[in-house]
Amino acid sequence: MTSQVLLAALDDLRRDEFQRFKWHLAQGDSADTSIPTGRLEDAERWTVVDLMEQTFTALDAVNVVLLIQNHNHKPINLDLDSGSVK
């Protein structure tokens, strides 16, 4: 279900916003909290979701999306129970 929520949030990003989002993912605090740039470079949205789930816990992955979208000043409401984005 978290995969669907993450994908819906990423689907809401324009191309330039998605590229910036991938840049943020590569900039993590450490090797454990970042995704190598080479794996993100040509990655589609669903691949980024898979990479996020491999790197972060489900809650951390959702928090990453929220933090970055908040930085972009895009309001988002995630309903983890239903797997929807409002």
N, C-alpha and C. Protein backbone atom coordinates (compact mmCIF):
# COMPACT_ATOMS: atom_id res chain seq x y z
N MET A 1 0.82 -1.19 0.00
CA MET A 1 0.00 0.00 0.00
C MET A 1 0.86 1.26 0.00
N THR A 2 1.94 1.25 0.77
CA THR A 2 2.83 2.40 0.79
C THR A 2 3.39 2.68 -0.60
N SER A 3 3.66 1.63 -1.37
CA SER A 3 4.16 1.80 -2.73
C SER A 3 3.21 2.64 -3.57
N GLN A 4 1.92 2.36 -3.43
CA GLN A 4 0.91 3.09 -4.20
C GLN A 4 0.86 4.55 -3.77
N VAL A 5 0.99 4.80 -2.48
CA VAL A 5 0.98 6.17 -1.97
C VAL A 5 2.19 6.93 -2.49
N LEU A 6 3.36 6.31 -2.43
CA LEU A 6 4.58 6.95 -2.92
C LEU A 6 4.49 7.22 -4.42
N LEU A 7 4.02 6.25 -5.17
CA LEU A 7 3.91 6.43 -6.62
C LEU A 7 2.92 7.54 -6.95
N ALA A 8 1.82 7.59 -6.25
CA ALA A 8 0.84 8.66 -6.50
C ALA A 8 1.45 10.03 -6.21
N ALA A 9 2.24 10.13 -5.15
CA ALA A 9 2.89 11.40 -4.82
C ALA A 9 3.91 11.78 -5.90
N LEU A 10 4.68 10.81 -6.38
CA LEU A 10 5.66 11.10 -7.43
C LEU A 10 4.99 11.42 -8.75
N ASP A 11 3.86 10.79 -9.03
CA ASP A 11 3.13 11.08 -10.26
C ASP A 11 2.63 12.52 -10.30
N ASP A 12 2.51 13.13 -9.14
CA ASP A 12 2.03 14.51 -9.06
C ASP A 12 3.13 15.53 -9.39
N LEU A 13 4.37 15.07 -9.46
CA LEU A 13 5.49 15.99 -9.73
C LEU A 13 5.66 16.22 -11.22
N ARG A 14 5.97 17.47 -11.58
CA ARG A 14 6.36 17.77 -12.96
C ARG A 14 7.76 17.20 -13.19
N ARG A 15 8.18 17.14 -14.43
CA ARG A 15 9.48 16.55 -14.77
C ARG A 15 10.63 17.21 -14.01
N ASP A 16 10.68 18.54 -14.00
CA ASP A 16 11.77 19.23 -13.31
C ASP A 16 11.71 18.98 -11.80
N GLU A 17 10.51 18.90 -11.24
CA GLU A 17 10.37 18.60 -9.82
C GLU A 17 10.83 17.18 -9.52
N PHE A 18 10.53 16.25 -10.42
CA PHE A 18 10.95 14.86 -10.23
C PHE A 18 12.47 14.75 -10.29
N GLN A 19 13.10 15.48 -11.21
CA GLN A 19 14.56 15.48 -11.29
C GLN A 19 15.17 16.03 -10.01
N ARG A 20 14.60 17.10 -9.50
CA ARG A 20 15.07 17.68 -8.24
C ARG A 20 14.86 16.71 -7.09
N PHE A 21 13.74 16.01 -7.08
CA PHE A 21 13.45 15.01 -6.05
C PHE A 21 14.53 13.92 -6.04
N LYS A 22 14.88 13.44 -7.24
CA LYS A 22 15.92 12.40 -7.32
C LYS A 22 17.26 12.94 -6.83
N TRP A 23 17.55 14.21 -7.09
CA TRP A 23 18.78 14.81 -6.59
C TRP A 23 18.79 14.78 -5.07
N HIS A 24 17.67 15.12 -4.44
CA HIS A 24 17.58 15.08 -2.98
C HIS A 24 17.81 13.67 -2.45
N LEU A 25 17.27 12.68 -3.13
CA LEU A 25 17.47 11.29 -2.70
C LEU A 25 18.94 10.89 -2.72
N ALA A 26 19.68 11.42 -3.68
CA ALA A 26 21.10 11.09 -3.79
C ALA A 26 21.94 11.84 -2.76
N GLN A 27 21.38 12.87 -2.15
CA GLN A 27 22.13 13.71 -1.21
C GLN A 27 22.00 13.27 0.24
N GLY A 28 21.46 12.12 0.53
CA GLY A 28 21.20 11.69 1.90
C GLY A 28 22.31 11.99 2.88
N ASP A 29 22.01 11.83 4.16
CA ASP A 29 22.97 12.12 5.22
C ASP A 29 24.15 11.17 5.23
N SER A 30 23.97 9.96 4.75
CA SER A 30 25.04 8.96 4.74
C SER A 30 24.77 7.96 3.63
N ALA A 31 25.68 7.02 3.47
CA ALA A 31 25.48 5.99 2.44
C ALA A 31 24.23 5.17 2.71
N ASP A 32 23.84 5.08 3.99
CA ASP A 32 22.65 4.31 4.35
C ASP A 32 21.36 5.06 4.04
N THR A 33 21.44 6.38 3.91
CA THR A 33 20.23 7.17 3.68
C THR A 33 20.25 7.90 2.35
N SER A 34 21.07 7.44 1.43
CA SER A 34 21.08 8.03 0.10
C SER A 34 21.03 6.91 -0.93
N ILE A 35 20.63 7.28 -2.12
CA ILE A 35 20.56 6.32 -3.22
C ILE A 35 21.59 6.77 -4.24
N PRO A 36 22.45 5.87 -4.72
CA PRO A 36 23.49 6.27 -5.67
C PRO A 36 22.91 6.97 -6.90
N THR A 37 23.57 8.04 -7.30
CA THR A 37 23.11 8.84 -8.43
C THR A 37 22.93 8.00 -9.69
N GLY A 38 23.84 7.07 -9.93
CA GLY A 38 23.75 6.23 -11.12
C GLY A 38 22.49 5.38 -11.17
N ARG A 39 21.97 5.01 -10.02
CA ARG A 39 20.74 4.21 -9.98
C ARG A 39 19.51 5.09 -10.20
N LEU A 40 19.64 6.38 -9.90
CA LEU A 40 18.51 7.30 -10.02
C LEU A 40 18.45 8.01 -11.37
N GLU A 41 19.58 8.15 -12.03
CA GLU A 41 19.71 9.01 -13.20
C GLU A 41 18.59 8.84 -14.22
N ASP A 42 18.38 7.65 -14.70
CA ASP A 42 17.36 7.40 -15.73
C ASP A 42 16.15 6.66 -15.18
N ALA A 43 16.03 6.61 -13.86
CA ALA A 43 14.97 5.83 -13.22
C ALA A 43 13.60 6.46 -13.43
N GLU A 44 12.64 5.62 -13.78
CA GLU A 44 11.24 6.05 -13.86
C GLU A 44 10.68 6.15 -12.44
N ARG A 45 9.51 6.72 -12.32
CA ARG A 45 8.91 6.93 -11.00
C ARG A 45 8.74 5.63 -10.22
N TRP A 46 8.25 4.58 -10.87
CA TRP A 46 8.03 3.31 -10.16
C TRP A 46 9.36 2.69 -9.71
N THR A 47 10.42 2.91 -10.47
CA THR A 47 11.73 2.41 -10.07
C THR A 47 12.24 3.18 -8.85
N VAL A 48 11.99 4.48 -8.82
CA VAL A 48 12.39 5.29 -7.67
C VAL A 48 11.65 4.81 -6.42
N VAL A 49 10.38 4.47 -6.56
CA VAL A 49 9.63 3.92 -5.42
C VAL A 49 10.31 2.65 -4.92
N ASP A 50 10.67 1.76 -5.82
CA ASP A 50 11.35 0.52 -5.41
C ASP A 50 12.67 0.82 -4.71
N LEU A 51 13.45 1.76 -5.24
CA LEU A 51 14.72 2.13 -4.63
C LEU A 51 14.52 2.74 -3.25
N MET A 52 13.49 3.56 -3.12
CA MET A 52 13.20 4.16 -1.81
C MET A 52 12.83 3.09 -0.80
N GLU A 53 12.04 2.12 -1.22
CA GLU A 53 11.63 1.06 -0.30
C GLU A 53 12.79 0.16 0.09
N GLN A 54 13.78 0.04 -0.79
CA GLN A 54 14.97 -0.74 -0.47
C GLN A 54 15.90 0.02 0.48
N THR A 55 15.85 1.35 0.43
CA THR A 55 16.77 2.19 1.20
C THR A 55 16.19 2.64 2.53
N PHE A 56 14.91 2.96 2.55
CA PHE A 56 14.26 3.52 3.73
C PHE A 56 13.19 2.57 4.25
N THR A 57 12.80 2.77 5.51
CA THR A 57 11.60 2.11 6.00
C THR A 57 10.41 2.74 5.29
N ALA A 58 9.27 2.11 5.33
CA ALA A 58 8.08 2.65 4.65
C ALA A 58 7.75 4.04 5.18
N LEU A 59 7.78 4.22 6.48
CA LEU A 59 7.46 5.52 7.06
C LEU A 59 8.50 6.56 6.66
N ASP A 60 9.77 6.19 6.67
CA ASP A 60 10.82 7.12 6.26
C ASP A 60 10.65 7.53 4.80
N ALA A 61 10.28 6.59 3.94
CA ALA A 61 10.09 6.90 2.53
C ALA A 61 8.96 7.92 2.35
N VAL A 62 7.87 7.73 3.06
CA VAL A 62 6.76 8.69 2.99
C VAL A 62 7.21 10.04 3.54
N ASN A 63 7.97 10.04 4.63
CA ASN A 63 8.46 11.29 5.20
C ASN A 63 9.38 12.03 4.24
N VAL A 64 10.20 11.30 3.48
CA VAL A 64 11.07 11.94 2.49
C VAL A 64 10.22 12.66 1.46
N VAL A 65 9.18 12.01 0.96
CA VAL A 65 8.29 12.65 -0.01
C VAL A 65 7.65 13.89 0.60
N LEU A 66 7.16 13.78 1.82
CA LEU A 66 6.51 14.92 2.47
C LEU A 66 7.47 16.09 2.65
N LEU A 67 8.68 15.81 3.11
CA LEU A 67 9.66 16.87 3.32
C LEU A 67 10.00 17.58 2.02
N ILE A 68 10.24 16.80 0.99
CA ILE A 68 10.62 17.41 -0.28
C ILE A 68 9.46 18.15 -0.91
N GLN A 69 8.26 17.60 -0.83
CA GLN A 69 7.11 18.30 -1.39
C GLN A 69 6.79 19.55 -0.58
N ASN A 70 6.99 19.50 0.72
CA ASN A 70 6.78 20.69 1.53
C ASN A 70 7.79 21.75 1.14
N HIS A 71 9.01 21.34 0.85
CA HIS A 71 10.05 22.27 0.40
C HIS A 71 9.64 22.92 -0.92
N ASN A 72 8.94 22.17 -1.75
CA ASN A 72 8.45 22.69 -3.03
C ASN A 72 7.14 23.45 -2.87
N HIS A 73 6.68 23.57 -1.63
CA HIS A 73 5.44 24.28 -1.31
C HIS A 73 4.23 23.65 -1.99
N LYS A 74 4.22 22.33 -2.07
CA LYS A 74 3.08 21.62 -2.63
C LYS A 74 2.36 20.92 -1.50
N PRO A 75 1.16 21.33 -1.18
CA PRO A 75 0.43 20.63 -0.11
C PRO A 75 0.05 19.23 -0.57
N ILE A 76 0.13 18.30 0.36
CA ILE A 76 -0.23 16.92 0.04
C ILE A 76 -0.79 16.26 1.29
N ASN A 77 -1.81 15.48 1.12
CA ASN A 77 -2.38 14.70 2.22
C ASN A 77 -2.30 13.24 1.85
N LEU A 78 -1.59 12.47 2.67
CA LEU A 78 -1.45 11.05 2.42
C LEU A 78 -2.32 10.27 3.39
N ASP A 79 -3.08 9.35 2.87
CA ASP A 79 -3.88 8.46 3.70
C ASP A 79 -3.29 7.07 3.57
N LEU A 80 -2.45 6.70 4.55
CA LEU A 80 -1.76 5.42 4.48
C LEU A 80 -2.71 4.25 4.61
N ASP A 81 -3.83 4.44 5.29
CA ASP A 81 -4.78 3.34 5.44
C ASP A 81 -5.44 2.97 4.12
N SER A 82 -5.81 3.98 3.35
CA SER A 82 -6.49 3.70 2.09
C SER A 82 -5.52 3.69 0.91
N GLY A 83 -4.29 4.18 1.13
CA GLY A 83 -3.31 4.22 0.05
C GLY A 83 -3.60 5.31 -0.96
N SER A 84 -4.21 6.40 -0.50
CA SER A 84 -4.55 7.46 -1.43
C SER A 84 -3.82 8.75 -1.11
N VAL A 85 -3.72 9.58 -2.13
CA VAL A 85 -3.14 10.92 -1.99
C VAL A 85 -4.23 11.90 -2.34
N LYS A 86 -4.38 12.91 -1.47
CA LYS A 86 -5.43 13.91 -1.71
C LYS A 86 -4.80 15.27 -1.91
